[in-house]
Protein backbone atom coordinates (compact mmCIF):
# COMPACT_ATOMS: atom_id res chain seq x y z
CA MET A 1 0.00 0.00 0.00
CA LYS A 2 2.88 2.38 0.85
CA LYS A 3 4.27 1.80 -2.65
CA TYR A 4 1.07 3.03 -4.26
CA LEU A 5 0.84 5.96 -1.84
CA GLY A 6 4.35 6.90 -2.96
CA GLU A 7 3.43 6.77 -6.63
CA ILE A 8 0.19 8.70 -6.07
CA SER A 9 2.26 11.34 -4.22
CA LEU A 10 4.64 11.57 -7.20
CA MET A 11 1.67 12.05 -9.54
CA VAL A 12 0.34 14.84 -7.28
CA THR A 13 3.84 16.39 -7.42
CA ALA A 14 3.75 16.30 -11.23
CA ILE A 15 0.28 17.90 -11.24
CA ILE A 16 1.47 20.70 -8.92
CA TRP A 17 4.55 21.31 -11.11
CA GLY A 18 2.32 21.35 -14.18
CA SER A 19 0.15 24.05 -12.61
CA GLY A 20 3.34 25.96 -11.77
CA PHE A 21 3.89 26.82 -15.47
CA VAL A 22 1.08 29.38 -15.23
CA ALA A 23 2.43 30.87 -11.96
CA SER A 24 5.96 30.99 -13.43
CA ALA A 25 4.72 32.88 -16.49
CA ILE A 26 3.10 35.51 -14.22
CA SER A 27 6.14 35.69 -11.88
CA LEU A 28 8.50 36.42 -14.79
CA GLU A 29 6.61 39.67 -15.43
CA TYR A 30 7.75 40.95 -12.02
CA TYR A 31 10.98 39.11 -11.12
CA THR A 32 14.12 37.81 -12.78
CA PRO A 33 14.46 33.99 -13.00
CA TYR A 34 17.17 34.04 -10.32
CA GLN A 35 14.97 36.08 -7.96
CA ILE A 36 12.16 33.54 -8.46
CA MET A 37 14.49 30.65 -7.60
CA ALA A 38 15.85 32.35 -4.47
CA GLY A 39 12.34 33.42 -3.38
CA ARG A 40 10.63 30.06 -3.87
CA PHE A 41 13.38 28.13 -2.03
CA LEU A 42 13.32 30.66 0.84
CA VAL A 43 9.53 30.25 1.21
CA GLY A 44 10.00 26.47 1.14
CA PHE A 45 12.69 26.52 3.83
CA ILE A 46 10.73 28.86 6.15
CA LEU A 47 7.48 26.89 5.88
CA LEU A 48 9.07 23.47 6.35
CA SER A 49 11.18 24.69 9.28
CA ALA A 50 8.12 26.25 10.93
CA VAL A 51 6.00 23.11 10.60
CA PHE A 52 8.68 20.47 11.29
CA TYR A 53 11.03 22.45 13.58
CA LYS A 54 11.14 19.56 16.10
CA LYS A 55 12.87 17.37 13.53
CA LEU A 56 15.80 19.79 13.21
CA LYS A 57 17.31 18.54 16.50
CA PHE A 58 17.81 15.11 14.89
CA SER A 59 20.07 16.47 12.15
CA ASN A 60 23.69 15.30 12.07
CA LYS A 61 26.72 15.71 9.80
CA LYS A 62 25.63 12.91 7.45
CA THR A 63 22.12 14.31 7.05
CA LEU A 64 23.47 17.83 6.51
CA LEU A 65 25.91 16.58 3.86
CA LYS A 66 23.27 14.54 1.99
CA GLY A 67 20.68 17.34 2.12
CA THR A 68 23.28 19.84 0.90
CA ILE A 69 24.26 17.58 -2.03
CA ILE A 70 20.68 17.26 -3.32
CA GLY A 71 20.10 20.99 -2.65
CA LEU A 72 23.15 21.84 -4.80
CA LEU A 73 21.98 19.49 -7.56
CA LEU A 74 18.48 20.98 -7.42
CA TYR A 75 19.65 24.59 -7.71
CA LEU A 76 22.19 23.74 -10.42
CA ALA A 77 19.54 21.96 -12.51
CA PHE A 78 17.08 24.87 -12.17
CA ALA A 79 19.81 27.43 -13.00
CA LEU A 80 20.94 25.53 -16.12
CA GLN A 81 17.31 25.21 -17.24
CA THR A 82 16.80 28.96 -16.71
CA VAL A 83 19.94 29.99 -18.60
CA GLY A 84 19.26 27.43 -21.34
CA LEU A 85 15.79 28.87 -21.88
CA GLN A 86 17.35 32.21 -22.84
CA TYR A 87 19.01 30.61 -25.89
CA THR A 88 16.51 27.96 -27.02
CA THR A 89 12.74 27.58 -27.44
CA PRO A 90 10.43 26.74 -24.49
CA SER A 91 9.32 23.51 -26.25
CA LYS A 92 12.92 22.33 -26.71
CA ASN A 93 13.74 23.35 -23.15
CA ALA A 94 10.81 21.29 -21.78
CA PHE A 95 11.67 18.28 -23.94
CA LEU A 96 15.41 18.23 -23.24
CA THR A 97 14.79 18.68 -19.48
CA ALA A 98 12.58 15.57 -19.60
CA VAL A 99 15.53 13.56 -20.99
CA ASN A 100 16.44 13.03 -17.29
CA VAL A 101 13.92 10.15 -17.39
CA VAL A 102 16.26 8.10 -19.60
CA ILE A 103 19.45 9.18 -17.78
CA VAL A 104 18.32 8.04 -14.29
CA PRO A 105 18.56 4.23 -14.79
CA PHE A 106 22.02 4.57 -16.37
CA ILE A 107 23.38 6.47 -13.35
CA GLY A 108 22.63 3.44 -11.18
CA TYR A 109 24.16 1.09 -13.74
CA LEU A 110 27.37 3.08 -14.36
CA LEU A 111 28.08 4.18 -10.78
CA TYR A 112 26.70 1.29 -8.73
CA LYS A 113 26.43 -1.59 -11.26
CA ARG A 114 22.68 -1.83 -10.71
CA LYS A 115 20.79 -3.98 -13.19
CA ILE A 116 18.59 -1.97 -15.56
CA ASP A 117 14.96 -3.11 -15.52
CA LYS A 118 13.97 -3.56 -19.20
CA PHE A 119 10.33 -2.55 -18.59
CA GLU A 120 11.33 0.60 -16.71
CA LEU A 121 13.89 1.48 -19.40
CA PHE A 122 11.32 0.96 -22.19
CA GLY A 123 8.82 3.02 -20.20
CA ALA A 124 11.41 5.78 -19.78
CA VAL A 125 12.14 5.90 -23.53
CA LEU A 126 8.40 5.88 -24.32
CA ALA A 127 7.85 8.73 -21.84
CA ILE A 128 10.54 10.77 -23.62
CA VAL A 129 8.86 10.16 -26.98
CA GLY A 130 5.53 11.21 -25.46
CA VAL A 131 7.02 14.40 -24.00
CA GLY A 132 8.66 15.11 -27.36
CA ILE A 133 5.38 14.76 -29.27
CA LEU A 134 3.59 16.79 -26.60
CA SER A 135 5.98 19.73 -26.46
CA LEU A 136 8.59 19.71 -29.23
CA LYS A 137 8.44 21.90 -32.30
CA LEU A 138 10.85 20.25 -34.70
CA SER A 139 14.04 22.05 -35.68
CA SER A 140 17.37 20.46 -36.47
CA ASP A 141 19.70 23.19 -35.22
CA ILE A 142 21.46 22.66 -31.89
CA ASN A 143 22.67 25.69 -29.94
CA ILE A 144 24.26 26.50 -26.58
CA GLY A 145 20.80 26.67 -24.98
CA ASP A 146 20.12 23.05 -25.97
CA LEU A 147 23.44 21.91 -24.50
CA LEU A 148 22.81 23.81 -21.26
CA THR A 149 19.33 22.27 -21.02
CA LEU A 150 20.82 18.78 -21.51
CA CYS A 151 23.17 19.54 -18.61
CA CYS A 152 20.07 20.60 -16.65
CA ALA A 153 18.50 17.19 -17.45
CA LEU A 154 21.65 15.54 -16.11
CA GLY A 155 21.34 17.63 -12.93
CA PHE A 156 17.69 16.63 -12.40
CA ALA A 157 18.57 12.97 -13.10
CA PHE A 158 21.28 13.01 -10.41
CA HIS A 159 18.87 14.84 -8.06
CA ILE A 160 16.20 12.14 -8.49
CA PHE A 161 18.77 9.35 -8.18
CA TYR A 162 20.46 10.64 -5.03
CA THR A 163 17.15 11.62 -3.43
CA ALA A 164 16.08 7.97 -3.83
CA LYS A 165 19.42 6.76 -2.44
CA PHE A 166 19.61 9.11 0.56
CA VAL A 167 15.96 8.87 1.55
CA LYS A 168 16.37 5.14 2.27
CA GLU A 169 18.73 6.04 5.13
CA GLU A 170 17.51 9.47 6.29
CA ASP A 171 14.32 11.22 7.41
CA PRO A 172 12.74 12.53 4.16
CA VAL A 173 11.32 15.64 5.85
CA LEU A 174 14.70 16.58 7.35
CA LEU A 175 16.39 15.97 3.99
CA THR A 176 13.88 18.27 2.30
CA ILE A 177 14.43 21.07 4.85
CA ILE A 178 18.23 20.93 4.44
CA GLN A 179 17.84 20.72 0.67
CA MET A 180 15.72 23.90 0.70
CA LEU A 181 18.25 25.66 2.95
CA ALA A 182 21.17 24.79 0.64
CA ALA A 183 19.25 25.95 -2.46
CA THR A 184 18.19 29.17 -0.68
CA VAL A 185 21.75 30.06 0.35
CA ILE A 186 23.06 29.50 -3.20
CA GLY A 187 20.08 31.40 -4.62
CA PHE A 188 20.73 34.52 -2.57
CA ILE A 189 24.49 34.39 -3.21
CA VAL A 190 23.73 34.37 -6.95
CA ILE A 191 21.29 37.31 -6.89
CA LEU A 192 23.66 39.25 -4.60
CA PHE A 193 26.49 38.87 -7.14
CA LYS A 194 24.14 39.68 -10.02
CA GLY A 195 22.90 42.82 -8.24
CA GLU A 196 19.25 41.68 -8.26
CA MET A 197 18.36 42.30 -4.60
CA ASN A 198 15.55 44.76 -5.43
CA PHE A 199 12.33 42.72 -5.33
CA SER A 200 8.96 43.87 -6.68
CA TYR A 201 6.19 44.13 -4.07
CA GLU A 202 3.22 44.24 -6.44
CA ARG A 203 0.42 41.95 -5.28
CA GLU A 204 0.15 39.80 -8.43
CA GLY A 205 3.89 39.17 -8.47
CA ILE A 206 4.01 38.31 -4.76
CA ASN A 207 0.97 35.99 -5.08
CA SER A 208 2.52 34.06 -7.97
CA LEU A 209 5.88 33.80 -6.15
CA PHE A 210 4.13 32.53 -3.01
CA TYR A 211 2.22 29.96 -5.09
CA LEU A 212 5.52 28.68 -6.47
CA GLY A 213 7.06 28.73 -2.99
CA ILE A 214 4.18 27.03 -1.16
CA PHE A 215 2.91 24.51 -3.72
CA SER A 216 5.54 23.99 -6.45
CA THR A 217 8.39 23.97 -3.91
CA THR A 218 7.31 23.20 -0.32
CA VAL A 219 4.50 20.74 -0.97
CA ALA A 220 5.84 19.26 -4.22
CA PHE A 221 9.43 18.57 -3.09
CA LEU A 222 8.27 17.26 0.29
CA LEU A 223 5.91 14.85 -1.49
CA GLN A 224 8.65 13.84 -3.94
CA THR A 225 11.23 13.15 -1.23
CA VAL A 226 8.84 11.15 0.96
CA ALA A 227 7.42 9.24 -2.04
CA GLN A 228 10.84 8.20 -3.31
CA LYS A 229 11.28 6.15 -0.13
CA PHE A 230 8.72 3.70 -1.52
CA THR A 231 9.51 3.41 -5.24
CA THR A 232 12.46 3.12 -7.64
CA GLU A 233 14.21 6.19 -9.02
CA THR A 234 13.34 5.24 -12.64
CA LYS A 235 9.62 4.90 -11.86
CA ALA A 236 9.80 8.22 -10.01
CA ALA A 237 11.38 9.89 -13.05
CA ILE A 238 8.73 8.47 -15.40
CA ILE A 239 5.84 9.60 -13.19
CA LEU A 240 7.40 13.06 -12.71
CA SER A 241 7.72 13.38 -16.51
CA THR A 242 3.92 13.74 -16.64
CA GLU A 243 4.57 17.33 -15.51
CA SER A 244 4.61 18.28 -19.21
CA PHE A 245 1.17 16.70 -19.71
CA TRP A 246 -0.30 18.52 -16.71
CA GLY A 247 1.35 21.75 -17.83
CA MET A 248 -0.34 21.34 -21.22
CA LEU A 249 -3.69 20.59 -19.54
CA PHE A 250 -3.49 23.69 -17.31
CA SER A 251 -2.45 25.81 -20.31
CA VAL A 252 -5.52 24.58 -22.21
CA THR A 253 -7.96 25.12 -19.32
CA ILE A 254 -6.54 28.33 -17.78
CA LEU A 255 -4.70 30.11 -20.60
CA GLY A 256 -7.07 28.99 -23.37
CA GLU A 257 -4.45 27.11 -25.44
CA LEU A 258 -5.95 24.89 -28.17
CA MET A 259 -5.89 21.10 -27.67
CA THR A 260 -4.31 19.32 -30.65
CA ILE A 261 -4.07 15.71 -31.90
CA LYS A 262 -0.32 15.89 -31.18
CA MET A 263 -1.05 16.68 -27.52
CA ILE A 264 -3.46 13.74 -27.24
CA ILE A 265 -0.95 11.27 -28.80
CA GLY A 266 1.82 12.54 -26.49
CA ALA A 267 -0.43 12.16 -23.43
CA ILE A 268 -1.39 8.58 -24.43
CA LEU A 269 2.29 7.60 -24.84
CA ILE A 270 3.20 9.03 -21.42
CA LEU A 271 0.29 7.16 -19.81
CA THR A 272 1.35 3.95 -21.58
CA ALA A 273 4.92 4.45 -20.30
CA ILE A 274 3.63 4.62 -16.70
CA ILE A 275 1.49 1.49 -17.16
CA ILE A 276 4.43 -0.50 -18.62
CA SER A 277 6.91 0.54 -15.91
CA GLU A 278 4.34 0.07 -13.16
CA THR A 279 2.82 -3.29 -14.15
CA LYS A 280 5.69 -4.78 -16.22
CA LEU A 281 2.79 -6.07 -18.38
CA THR A 282 2.08 -8.88 -15.87
CA PHE A 283 -1.63 -8.66 -16.75
CA LEU A 284 -0.80 -9.85 -20.29
CA LYS A 285 1.18 -12.80 -18.92
CA LYS A 286 -1.73 -13.78 -16.67
CA LYS A 287 -4.12 -13.54 -19.61
CA HIS A 288 -1.80 -15.74 -21.71
CA LEU A 289 -1.58 -18.35 -18.94
CA LYS A 290 -5.37 -18.50 -18.64
CA GLU A 291 -5.68 -19.01 -22.40
CA VAL A 292 -3.09 -21.83 -22.30
CA THR A 293 -4.80 -23.60 -19.39
């Protein structure tokens, strides 16, 4: 039962991140991308510390180190995605970021000699194809933005992998708090050096930033960290890749974007990828055995 609760939590995380596309679009009218990152991680750290302050006394050097590592990976991935977006199209940026789904199983294989599950790998590839159909506008040219976004995908892949690894040994809530603290510190160092300490205080900008901080950061990353205690990193990556589907759905319902056949095909492929990685097609084997008997 815990396994399914974990996977449901990851799906909720993907839905929240999908809704965050709208809030991000509004936030960018008032803040720079680096201000948004620093602000959302600060909100996340303050809220989590306020709610789970009793857990802080159980932190030790190992927990601090592990939380800092995933916090660094998280900020680095977001920063590379942000910079990459300045030089490439949003559709390419979304697609190349989602490549982390395919990278995750290979990290375990190359670094820790873990066996790659063929169903999870096939599901990961299928999810990438689905995200590509859903979001990608074809163009053959490759630029610096594409390369930076691929590095961002690598960062998110390592973040998912090491979150899954560390959460088996540590308190997921405590890991999330330390992760938020590390990302906040880096975020404010960056905007200090960039001279972007003047924040807008207009209501719409603040509301959108708080939405990103409360839901897309605090709730979503807490759910992700806790959920990864009960499922594999590859399954987690596949489920989280549905963010692009939910982003499309929210864009259609809230921003009035037109639904296309391409979107529907992409969504079906992503759903199929989840079913394959989740069930390993055991229902087909059972059906075959019944027919034989």
